[in-house]
Amino acid sequence: MKTKLFAGLAAAALLASTFCATGALAEPPKVDPALHDQALELLKKGISFRTVIPGDQVPVYAAYLKSALVKAGFKPDEVAIEPVAGSAVLIARYAGTNPSLKPILVIDHMDVVEAKPADWTRDPFTPVVENGYVFGRGAIDDKFDVSMIVTVLSKLKREGWKPQRGVILALSGDEETQMQTARHLAGELKGVEMVLNGDAGGGEVSEDGKPVIYTLQAAEKTYADFEITVTDPGGHSSRPGKTNAIYRLGADLARLSAYQFPAMESEITMASFKAAAPSEPGPVGDALRRYVANPKDAEALATLSADRDMVGQLRTTCVATMIQGGHATNALPQRATASVNCRIFPGTPSEEVRKTLVKVIADPGATVKRENDGSIDAPASPLRPDVLAAVTKAVHARYPGLPVVPGMSAGATDSMFFRAQGVPAYGVGGAFMKSSDDFAHGLNERVPVDTIDGALFQWESVLKDLTK
C-alpha cells in the first residue's frame, strides 16, 4: 500500500530555499544501461501477473522472481516460496560474513489491488511503456520497488559482494487485503536487526520536474475497523413508535461526526512539521509555524485540523464508511449497522479507541466491536542515526542538499507487524514522482521510467552502508 507521507507540505518555496543554497541540481547517478533494462523488464513482466487476492498468481509471480535470483547466482535452496493464507511468501537469504551480526530484513509485497479492464484506458495487466511512464496495476504499488530490490540483489550476487551483515528479502502476498502473509513473516523472521520496507517512503517531485523532498517513513498509523450495531424489535411500518434502529444509528453517527480525538505528537511528526514550517504558505503555514513553537496552541490546531493533508498527522481519526439497515421497505428496521474506519496514532491501543467510540456515541443499546481487519497495534520506530545517515547519503548522491525528513504514514503497511515485535522498520522506497502522477490503487496507475536508475543506486547504496 504505497502511501503519501507528508505530501504538499514541503512546497516549491522549500525547494527554492534549499537549492539556492546548494547550487545546481546534480544529475541522478548513472547505472549500467543493461541493469536499467533488467529492472524495467522485471517491472513489466511483474505487472503482467494478476496478483489480486483472492487469486492464484502470487505464487507464479514469486516463482518468476525466484528464477531471476537463481539466474544471478542464488542457490535454489536460498530462495523459498511458501504457501500462506491462500497466497504465498518469498524469502531469499544473502549470507553475511559475520554470523554474529543480525541480518537486515528487506520487505515488500507482491499482491496488488483489483483493477477492472473496462475502467482503464489500457489493460491494467498488460504493461505499457508510453510517454516516459510504465503503465499497469502495480506499477508503483508496489512491483516497482520489488523489481528494484531484486535487480540490485541480483547484481550484488553476480559481483560476489560479501556483506558483513546478511540480508533477507521477504515478500508478502496479501498486503492489500488481510495481511496474513506479513503476520506470518514477522513470526518467522524475528531475529533481525531492522526492517527496510520498499512499500513506504520516497521522493516528491514538483510539477516542473524538480525534486522537493524525500520522506523516510519511521511510523505509520495503525488500521482498525469497528462495527456499530443498533437493534430493535421492529414491526409493521404503519405503526411507528418512539424507537427506530436507523434513526438511533443516525444519531450515534452524528455524535461521532462531531467528536475529535485529542491531538498527539511524536518526534517523527514534529520533525516533519519543523521541516515544512519555514516555507509552507498561507494560513496553514502560519498555523504550522505556531504549532511547532507551541503544540498546545488551540487556534493553530483548529486550522491544521481543518486541512485534509494535515489532520491525519495530528491525531487518531475515525470515520463512518459503510451503513446497512432494515430488511424490508414496509417494515420497521430490526437492525442498523455502520462500519467505522479508524487510523490510529502510533502507540495508541486499538481497544482504547473502541472504548472511546462507546463513550462518544453514548448509546447503551448499541454494540461496538472490532472487525477482523487483519491489522495490529504497533509503535513508531526510533530515529536511528545509521539509517538516517545511509538514506541521506544515497538521496544526496541523487540530489545534493535535498531535505530528507522522517515521516508518518497515514495508511498501514507490513512494517507494523515487525514494529509490534520491537523490530524497528523504515520505509525507504526508491521512487521520486509528482503528486499528480500518483495513481496507486486508482485508474491508469503508472511510474516514471526515469526514476529507475536513481532507485537502483539508492537501494544498493543503503544496503551496502547498513550491512558493513
Protein backbone atom coordinates (compact mmCIF):
# COMPACT_ATOMS: atom_id res chain seq x y z
CA MET A 1 0.00 0.00 0.00
CA LYS A 2 2.16 2.79 -1.27
CA THR A 3 1.22 5.84 0.77
CA LYS A 4 1.94 9.53 0.67
CA LEU A 5 3.57 10.65 3.89
CA PHE A 6 3.53 14.41 4.02
CA ALA A 7 2.59 15.44 0.51
CA GLY A 8 2.05 19.10 -0.14
CA LEU A 9 3.70 20.47 2.97
CA ALA A 10 7.18 20.88 1.55
CA ALA A 11 6.28 23.12 -1.33
CA ALA A 12 8.23 24.90 -4.02
CA ALA A 13 9.48 27.50 -1.57
CA LEU A 14 11.31 24.79 0.33
CA LEU A 15 12.83 23.63 -2.93
CA ALA A 16 13.99 27.13 -3.78
CA SER A 17 15.47 27.83 -0.36
CA THR A 18 17.32 24.53 -0.37
CA PHE A 19 18.76 24.63 -3.85
CA CYS A 20 19.68 28.28 -3.90
CA ALA A 21 21.99 27.39 -1.04
CA THR A 22 23.41 24.20 -2.52
CA GLY A 23 23.75 25.16 -6.15
CA ALA A 24 22.54 23.44 -9.29
CA LEU A 25 20.95 20.01 -9.20
CA ALA A 26 23.22 17.10 -9.93
CA GLU A 27 22.26 14.51 -12.50
CA PRO A 28 20.91 11.34 -10.87
CA PRO A 29 23.61 8.64 -10.62
CA LYS A 30 24.13 6.70 -13.81
CA VAL A 31 23.78 2.94 -13.82
CA ASP A 32 24.73 0.35 -16.39
CA PRO A 33 22.10 0.51 -19.18
CA ALA A 34 21.88 -3.28 -19.02
CA LEU A 35 20.92 -3.04 -15.34
CA HIS A 36 18.28 -0.43 -16.16
CA ASP A 37 16.87 -2.73 -18.83
CA GLN A 38 16.85 -5.67 -16.42
CA ALA A 39 14.90 -3.68 -13.82
CA LEU A 40 12.46 -2.40 -16.42
CA GLU A 41 11.89 -5.91 -17.75
CA LEU A 42 11.30 -7.26 -14.23
CA LEU A 43 8.76 -4.50 -13.65
CA LYS A 44 6.96 -5.04 -16.94
CA LYS A 45 6.83 -8.79 -16.52
CA GLY A 46 5.71 -8.37 -12.91
CA ILE A 47 2.76 -6.22 -13.94
CA SER A 48 1.58 -8.98 -16.27
CA PHE A 49 0.92 -11.29 -13.30
CA ARG A 50 -2.58 -10.61 -11.99
CA THR A 51 -1.63 -10.89 -8.33
CA VAL A 52 -5.05 -9.89 -6.97
CA ILE A 53 -6.27 -11.64 -3.82
CA PRO A 54 -8.23 -13.88 -3.99
CA GLY A 55 -6.40 -15.40 -6.92
CA ASP A 56 -3.61 -17.80 -7.79
CA GLN A 57 -1.00 -15.61 -9.47
CA VAL A 58 1.10 -14.60 -6.43
CA PRO A 59 2.90 -17.99 -6.32
CA VAL A 60 3.51 -17.76 -10.07
CA TYR A 61 4.96 -14.26 -9.72
CA ALA A 62 7.09 -15.45 -6.80
CA ALA A 63 8.44 -18.28 -8.95
CA TYR A 64 9.38 -15.76 -11.64
CA LEU A 65 11.26 -13.64 -9.11
CA LYS A 66 13.00 -16.72 -7.74
CA SER A 67 14.14 -17.65 -11.24
CA ALA A 68 15.71 -14.20 -11.64
CA LEU A 69 17.57 -14.54 -8.33
CA VAL A 70 18.76 -18.08 -9.08
CA LYS A 71 19.95 -16.99 -12.52
CA ALA A 72 22.05 -14.33 -10.80
CA GLY A 73 23.77 -16.89 -8.57
CA PHE A 74 21.48 -17.57 -5.61
CA LYS A 75 21.26 -21.26 -4.82
CA PRO A 76 17.75 -22.66 -5.27
CA ASP A 77 17.54 -23.53 -1.57
CA GLU A 78 18.42 -19.92 -0.66
CA VAL A 79 15.11 -18.75 -2.15
CA ALA A 80 12.00 -20.29 -0.64
CA ILE A 81 8.37 -19.88 -1.67
CA GLU A 82 5.81 -20.84 0.97
CA PRO A 83 2.02 -21.03 0.58
CA VAL A 84 0.33 -18.91 3.26
CA ALA A 85 -3.33 -17.95 3.76
CA GLY A 86 -4.42 -18.56 0.18
CA SER A 87 -1.42 -16.66 -1.17
CA ALA A 88 2.35 -17.07 -0.83
CA VAL A 89 5.53 -15.52 0.52
CA LEU A 90 9.04 -15.43 -0.91
CA ILE A 91 12.09 -15.50 1.37
CA ALA A 92 15.59 -15.09 -0.12
CA ARG A 93 18.70 -15.20 2.05
CA TYR A 94 22.01 -13.48 1.26
CA ALA A 95 24.54 -14.69 3.83
CA GLY A 96 26.84 -12.27 5.63
CA THR A 97 30.48 -12.91 6.55
CA ASN A 98 29.90 -12.26 10.27
CA PRO A 99 27.24 -14.65 11.61
CA SER A 100 27.24 -12.85 14.98
CA LEU A 101 25.58 -9.83 13.36
CA LYS A 102 21.81 -9.83 12.94
CA PRO A 103 20.71 -9.60 9.29
CA ILE A 104 18.92 -6.72 7.62
CA LEU A 105 15.40 -7.64 6.52
CA VAL A 106 14.09 -6.08 3.30
CA ILE A 107 10.32 -6.39 2.85
CA ASP A 108 7.73 -5.57 0.23
CA HIS A 109 4.58 -7.13 -1.21
CA MET A 110 3.77 -8.98 -4.42
CA ASP A 111 -0.02 -8.57 -4.46
CA VAL A 112 -2.00 -5.67 -5.93
CA VAL A 113 -5.49 -4.26 -5.59
CA GLU A 114 -8.15 -5.24 -8.09
CA ALA A 115 -8.31 -3.43 -11.43
CA LYS A 116 -11.17 -3.80 -13.91
CA PRO A 117 -10.02 -3.59 -17.54
CA ALA A 118 -13.28 -1.96 -18.66
CA ASP A 119 -12.50 1.07 -16.50
CA TRP A 120 -8.92 1.58 -17.69
CA THR A 121 -7.58 3.29 -20.80
CA ARG A 122 -5.09 0.41 -21.13
CA ASP A 123 -5.42 -3.16 -19.90
CA PRO A 124 -4.20 -2.98 -16.27
CA PHE A 125 -2.29 -6.25 -16.50
CA THR A 126 -0.63 -5.59 -19.85
CA PRO A 127 2.42 -3.38 -19.19
CA VAL A 128 2.77 -0.41 -21.50
CA VAL A 129 5.75 1.96 -21.71
CA GLU A 130 4.46 5.24 -23.09
CA ASN A 131 5.41 8.92 -22.79
CA GLY A 132 8.10 8.20 -20.23
CA TYR A 133 5.92 6.06 -17.94
CA VAL A 134 5.31 2.40 -17.24
CA PHE A 135 1.55 1.87 -17.02
CA GLY A 136 -0.17 -1.03 -15.28
CA ARG A 137 -1.60 -2.23 -11.98
CA GLY A 138 1.26 -2.45 -9.50
CA ALA A 139 3.49 -0.12 -11.50
CA ILE A 140 4.11 1.92 -8.35
CA ASP A 141 2.31 -0.14 -5.66
CA ASP A 142 4.48 -1.99 -5.41
CA LYS A 143 6.05 -4.01 -8.14
CA PHE A 144 8.34 -1.04 -8.75
CA ASP A 145 10.42 -1.41 -5.60
CA VAL A 146 10.12 -5.21 -5.69
CA SER A 147 11.75 -5.08 -9.12
CA MET A 148 14.43 -2.63 -8.00
CA ILE A 149 15.33 -4.73 -4.94
CA VAL A 150 15.52 -7.99 -6.88
CA THR A 151 17.62 -6.32 -9.57
CA VAL A 152 20.07 -4.91 -7.01
CA LEU A 153 20.40 -8.16 -5.07
CA SER A 154 20.97 -10.00 -8.36
CA LYS A 155 23.70 -7.51 -9.31
CA LEU A 156 25.41 -7.83 -5.94
CA LYS A 157 25.29 -11.62 -6.11
CA ARG A 158 26.83 -11.65 -9.61
CA GLU A 159 29.60 -9.32 -8.42
CA GLY A 160 30.40 -11.53 -5.43
CA TRP A 161 29.53 -8.89 -2.82
CA LYS A 162 30.30 -10.08 0.70
CA PRO A 163 28.48 -8.03 3.34
CA GLN A 164 29.38 -8.43 6.99
CA ARG A 165 25.70 -8.42 7.93
CA GLY A 166 23.42 -10.74 5.96
CA VAL A 167 20.37 -9.62 4.01
CA ILE A 168 17.00 -11.36 3.94
CA LEU A 169 14.41 -10.45 1.32
CA ALA A 170 10.84 -11.25 2.40
CA LEU A 171 7.94 -10.55 0.07
CA SER A 172 4.38 -10.88 1.34
CA GLY A 173 1.37 -11.88 -0.72
CA ASP A 174 -1.77 -10.24 0.69
CA GLU A 175 -0.75 -6.79 1.94
CA GLU A 176 -3.69 -5.19 0.15
CA THR A 177 -6.26 -7.40 1.88
CA GLN A 178 -5.92 -9.38 5.14
CA MET A 179 -2.12 -9.08 5.61
CA GLN A 180 -1.85 -12.62 6.95
CA THR A 181 1.32 -13.32 4.97
CA ALA A 182 3.13 -10.40 6.62
CA ARG A 183 1.95 -11.60 10.02
CA HIS A 184 3.44 -15.00 9.13
CA LEU A 185 6.74 -13.45 8.03
CA ALA A 186 7.02 -11.40 11.21
CA GLY A 187 6.59 -14.56 13.24
CA GLU A 188 9.18 -16.45 11.21
CA LEU A 189 11.82 -13.71 10.91
CA LYS A 190 12.06 -12.24 14.40
CA GLY A 191 15.83 -12.14 14.92
CA VAL A 192 16.72 -9.32 12.55
CA GLU A 193 18.49 -6.03 13.16
CA MET A 194 15.94 -3.87 11.36
CA VAL A 195 13.45 -3.80 8.52
CA LEU A 196 13.77 -1.77 5.31
CA ASN A 197 10.42 -1.53 3.52
CA GLY A 198 10.16 -0.62 -0.15
CA ASP A 199 6.42 -0.04 0.21
CA ALA A 200 6.76 3.28 2.02
CA GLY A 201 8.88 6.39 1.93
CA GLY A 202 10.01 8.03 -1.27
CA GLY A 203 10.64 11.32 -3.01
CA GLU A 204 8.31 14.04 -4.19
CA VAL A 205 8.86 15.93 -7.43
CA SER A 206 7.29 19.29 -8.22
CA GLU A 207 5.09 19.73 -11.26
CA ASP A 208 8.00 21.26 -13.19
CA GLY A 209 10.08 18.15 -12.54
CA LYS A 210 12.35 19.29 -9.71
CA PRO A 211 12.82 17.18 -6.58
CA VAL A 212 11.20 18.67 -3.49
CA ILE A 213 11.73 16.34 -0.53
CA TYR A 214 12.46 12.76 0.45
CA THR A 215 10.43 11.25 3.28
CA LEU A 216 11.81 8.38 5.33
CA GLN A 217 8.87 6.52 6.84
CA ALA A 218 9.55 5.78 10.52
CA ALA A 219 5.97 5.41 11.76
CA GLU A 220 2.53 4.57 10.48
CA LYS A 221 -0.95 4.90 11.81
CA THR A 222 -2.42 1.53 12.54
CA TYR A 223 -5.70 0.48 11.00
CA ALA A 224 -8.87 -0.68 12.73
CA ASP A 225 -12.42 -1.26 11.54
CA PHE A 226 -15.21 -1.14 14.11
CA GLU A 227 -18.85 -2.12 13.68
CA ILE A 228 -21.56 -0.16 15.48
CA THR A 229 -24.82 -2.10 15.65
CA VAL A 230 -28.24 -0.99 16.88
CA THR A 231 -31.11 -3.48 17.20
CA ASP A 232 -34.86 -3.05 17.77
CA PRO A 233 -37.92 -5.34 17.82
CA GLY A 234 -39.15 -3.68 14.63
CA GLY A 235 -42.70 -4.20 13.43
CA HIS A 236 -45.09 -3.01 10.73
CA SER A 237 -44.12 0.29 9.09
CA SER A 238 -47.70 1.56 9.54
CA ARG A 239 -47.21 1.51 13.33
CA PRO A 240 -44.06 3.55 14.03
CA GLY A 241 -43.11 4.09 17.64
CA LYS A 242 -40.57 6.07 19.58
CA THR A 243 -37.67 3.77 18.69
CA ASN A 244 -36.20 3.13 15.27
CA ALA A 245 -32.86 1.37 14.74
CA ILE A 246 -31.95 3.52 11.74
CA TYR A 247 -32.75 6.79 13.50
CA ARG A 248 -30.80 5.72 16.57
CA LEU A 249 -27.80 4.76 14.48
CA GLY A 250 -28.01 8.09 12.66
CA ALA A 251 -27.95 9.93 15.98
CA ASP A 252 -24.98 7.83 17.13
CA LEU A 253 -23.06 8.67 13.97
CA ALA A 254 -23.91 12.36 14.32
CA ARG A 255 -22.27 12.35 17.75
CA LEU A 256 -19.25 10.56 16.30
CA SER A 257 -19.03 13.08 13.47
CA ALA A 258 -18.86 15.93 15.97
CA TYR A 259 -16.11 14.30 18.03
CA GLN A 260 -12.40 14.93 17.53
CA PHE A 261 -9.75 12.74 19.11
CA PRO A 262 -7.11 14.59 21.14
CA ALA A 263 -4.11 15.95 19.25
CA MET A 264 -0.93 13.90 19.62
CA GLU A 265 2.69 14.36 18.62
CA SER A 266 5.87 12.34 18.25
CA GLU A 267 9.47 13.06 17.37
CA ILE A 268 8.67 11.91 13.85
CA THR A 269 5.66 14.13 13.23
CA MET A 270 7.41 17.10 14.85
CA ALA A 271 10.46 16.57 12.61
CA SER A 272 8.16 16.63 9.58
CA PHE A 273 6.36 19.76 10.76
CA LYS A 274 9.61 21.58 11.53
CA ALA A 275 10.96 20.80 8.07
CA ALA A 276 7.85 22.14 6.35
CA ALA A 277 7.01 25.07 8.64
CA PRO A 278 9.51 27.68 7.35
CA SER A 279 8.20 27.61 3.80
CA GLU A 280 4.57 26.46 3.95
CA PRO A 281 2.45 29.35 2.57
CA GLY A 282 -0.89 30.79 3.63
CA PRO A 283 -2.96 30.24 6.78
CA VAL A 284 -1.84 26.63 7.07
CA GLY A 285 1.79 27.75 7.05
CA ASP A 286 1.09 30.38 9.73
CA ALA A 287 -0.69 27.77 11.86
CA LEU A 288 2.08 25.25 11.31
CA ARG A 289 4.76 27.67 12.50
CA ARG A 290 2.72 28.49 15.59
CA TYR A 291 2.10 24.81 16.27
CA VAL A 292 5.81 23.98 16.03
CA ALA A 293 6.52 26.76 18.54
CA ASN A 294 3.68 25.65 20.81
CA PRO A 295 1.90 22.31 20.18
CA LYS A 296 -0.82 23.38 22.63
CA ASP A 297 -1.85 26.39 20.52
CA ALA A 298 -5.59 25.69 20.18
CA GLU A 299 -6.19 28.11 17.32
CA ALA A 300 -3.29 26.70 15.31
CA LEU A 301 -4.52 23.17 15.95
CA ALA A 302 -8.01 24.11 14.75
CA THR A 303 -6.63 25.49 11.48
CA LEU A 304 -4.41 22.49 10.87
CA SER A 305 -7.15 20.04 11.80
CA ALA A 306 -9.42 21.56 9.16
CA ASP A 307 -6.81 20.77 6.47
CA ARG A 308 -7.18 17.28 4.97
CA ASP A 309 -3.45 16.91 4.38
CA MET A 310 -2.71 17.77 8.00
CA VAL A 311 -5.42 16.20 10.14
CA GLY A 312 -4.11 12.67 9.75
CA GLN A 313 -0.72 13.73 11.08
CA LEU A 314 -2.19 15.25 14.25
CA ARG A 315 -4.47 12.69 15.80
CA THR A 316 -6.38 9.44 15.57
CA THR A 317 -9.27 9.72 13.11
CA CYS A 318 -12.42 7.60 12.92
CA VAL A 319 -14.95 7.95 10.13
CA ALA A 320 -18.09 6.08 9.09
CA THR A 321 -17.53 4.38 5.74
CA MET A 322 -20.46 1.97 5.25
CA ILE A 323 -24.02 1.55 6.58
CA GLN A 324 -26.57 -1.23 6.39
CA GLY A 325 -30.05 -1.28 7.84
CA GLY A 326 -33.53 -2.67 7.64
CA HIS A 327 -34.87 -5.78 5.98
CA ALA A 328 -37.97 -4.64 4.07
CA THR A 329 -39.37 -1.35 2.77
CA ASN A 330 -42.64 -1.89 4.64
CA ALA A 331 -41.17 -2.95 7.99
CA LEU A 332 -39.60 -1.08 10.85
CA PRO A 333 -35.86 -1.84 10.94
CA GLN A 334 -34.76 -4.54 13.34
CA ARG A 335 -31.06 -3.83 12.83
CA ALA A 336 -28.86 -1.00 11.59
CA THR A 337 -25.09 -1.25 11.33
CA ALA A 338 -22.29 1.16 10.48
CA SER A 339 -18.67 0.38 9.68
CA VAL A 340 -16.27 2.91 11.17
CA ASN A 341 -12.70 3.04 9.92
CA CYS A 342 -10.06 4.34 12.33
CA ARG A 343 -6.48 5.38 11.60
CA ILE A 344 -4.80 5.26 14.97
CA PHE A 345 -1.85 7.36 16.10
CA PRO A 346 1.14 5.09 16.79
CA GLY A 347 1.30 3.89 20.37
CA THR A 348 -2.45 4.11 20.98
CA PRO A 349 -4.08 0.72 21.70
CA SER A 350 -7.00 -0.06 19.39
CA GLU A 351 -9.06 -1.22 22.38
CA GLU A 352 -8.69 2.26 23.86
CA VAL A 353 -10.12 3.67 20.65
CA ARG A 354 -13.04 1.23 20.80
CA LYS A 355 -13.83 2.32 24.35
CA THR A 356 -13.71 5.94 23.24
CA LEU A 357 -16.25 5.19 20.50
CA VAL A 358 -18.56 3.65 23.09
CA LYS A 359 -18.37 6.81 25.20
CA VAL A 360 -18.81 9.15 22.24
CA ILE A 361 -21.93 7.56 20.78
CA ALA A 362 -23.39 7.30 24.32
CA ASP A 363 -25.97 4.72 23.29
CA PRO A 364 -26.34 1.91 25.86
CA GLY A 365 -28.35 -0.12 23.36
CA ALA A 366 -25.59 -0.09 20.73
CA THR A 367 -22.70 -2.53 20.46
CA VAL A 368 -19.23 -1.55 19.22
CA LYS A 369 -16.94 -4.38 18.20
CA ARG A 370 -13.65 -4.68 16.34
CA GLU A 371 -13.95 -6.29 12.94
CA ASN A 372 -11.47 -8.83 11.59
CA ASP A 373 -9.41 -6.28 9.67
CA GLY A 374 -6.03 -8.05 9.85
CA SER A 375 -4.24 -5.08 11.46
CA ILE A 376 -2.27 -4.90 14.70
CA ASP A 377 -1.26 -2.23 17.20
CA ALA A 378 2.29 -1.01 16.66
CA PRO A 379 4.52 1.81 17.95
CA ALA A 380 6.70 4.19 15.97
CA SER A 381 10.30 3.22 15.22
CA PRO A 382 13.17 5.15 16.80
CA LEU A 383 15.04 7.51 14.51
CA ARG A 384 18.25 5.52 14.17
CA PRO A 385 21.20 7.72 13.15
CA ASP A 386 22.71 4.97 10.98
CA VAL A 387 19.52 4.60 8.94
CA LEU A 388 19.03 8.34 8.54
CA ALA A 389 22.69 8.74 7.53
CA ALA A 390 22.57 5.91 4.97
CA VAL A 391 19.36 7.16 3.36
CA THR A 392 20.54 10.78 3.36
CA LYS A 393 23.83 9.80 1.74
CA ALA A 394 22.03 7.90 -1.04
CA VAL A 395 19.44 10.63 -1.64
CA HIS A 396 22.07 13.38 -1.68
CA ALA A 397 24.06 11.45 -4.26
CA ARG A 398 20.96 11.75 -6.43
CA TYR A 399 20.01 15.30 -5.41
CA PRO A 400 22.59 17.18 -3.30
CA GLY A 401 21.11 19.01 -0.33
CA LEU A 402 17.58 17.67 -0.77
CA PRO A 403 15.70 17.62 2.57
CA VAL A 404 15.43 14.10 3.98
CA VAL A 405 12.68 14.15 6.59
CA PRO A 406 11.25 11.40 8.84
CA GLY A 407 7.54 10.93 8.35
CA MET A 408 4.47 9.03 9.49
CA SER A 409 2.23 7.25 7.00
CA ALA A 410 -1.50 7.82 7.40
CA GLY A 411 -2.03 4.35 5.95
CA ALA A 412 -0.74 0.97 7.11
CA THR A 413 1.98 -1.28 5.67
CA ASP A 414 3.50 -4.66 6.50
CA SER A 415 6.04 -2.87 8.72
CA MET A 416 3.55 -2.74 11.59
CA PHE A 417 3.85 -6.47 12.26
CA PHE A 418 7.58 -6.10 12.86
CA ARG A 419 7.25 -2.87 14.84
CA ALA A 420 4.76 -4.64 17.09
CA GLN A 421 7.52 -7.11 17.97
CA GLY A 422 10.02 -4.39 18.76
CA VAL A 423 11.89 -4.57 15.45
CA PRO A 424 12.47 -1.06 14.03
CA ALA A 425 11.19 -0.63 10.49
CA TYR A 426 11.81 2.13 7.94
CA GLY A 427 10.14 2.94 4.64
CA VAL A 428 12.91 3.66 2.12
CA GLY A 429 11.20 3.36 -1.28
CA GLY A 430 13.30 4.45 -4.23
CA ALA A 431 10.80 6.24 -6.46
CA PHE A 432 10.67 10.01 -7.00
CA MET A 433 7.47 11.23 -8.64
CA LYS A 434 4.95 14.05 -8.90
CA SER A 435 1.83 14.02 -6.76
CA SER A 436 -0.17 14.31 -9.97
CA ASP A 437 1.36 11.03 -11.19
CA ASP A 438 0.32 9.07 -8.12
CA PHE A 439 -2.48 6.73 -9.19
CA ALA A 440 -1.75 3.92 -6.72
CA HIS A 441 -4.97 1.92 -6.21
CA GLY A 442 -6.57 4.03 -8.96
CA LEU A 443 -7.09 4.03 -12.68
CA ASN A 444 -4.17 4.05 -15.11
CA GLU A 445 -1.52 3.53 -12.40
CA ARG A 446 1.94 4.50 -13.61
CA VAL A 447 5.55 5.17 -12.61
CA PRO A 448 8.16 7.36 -14.36
CA VAL A 449 10.80 5.38 -16.23
CA ASP A 450 13.42 7.99 -15.34
CA THR A 451 13.21 7.17 -11.63
CA ILE A 452 14.53 3.64 -12.17
CA ASP A 453 18.26 4.45 -12.24
CA GLY A 454 18.15 6.54 -9.08
CA ALA A 455 16.15 3.88 -7.26
CA LEU A 456 18.66 1.19 -8.21
CA PHE A 457 21.51 3.37 -6.97
CA GLN A 458 19.70 4.19 -3.74
CA TRP A 459 18.92 0.59 -2.83
CA GLU A 460 22.49 -0.53 -3.47
CA SER A 461 23.96 2.37 -1.51
CA VAL A 462 21.67 1.91 1.50
CA LEU A 463 22.19 -1.85 1.64
CA LYS A 464 25.96 -1.54 1.45
CA ASP A 465 26.09 1.12 4.15
CA LEU A 466 23.83 -0.71 6.60
CA THR A 467 25.49 -4.14 6.21
CA LYS A 468 29.09 -3.05 6.87
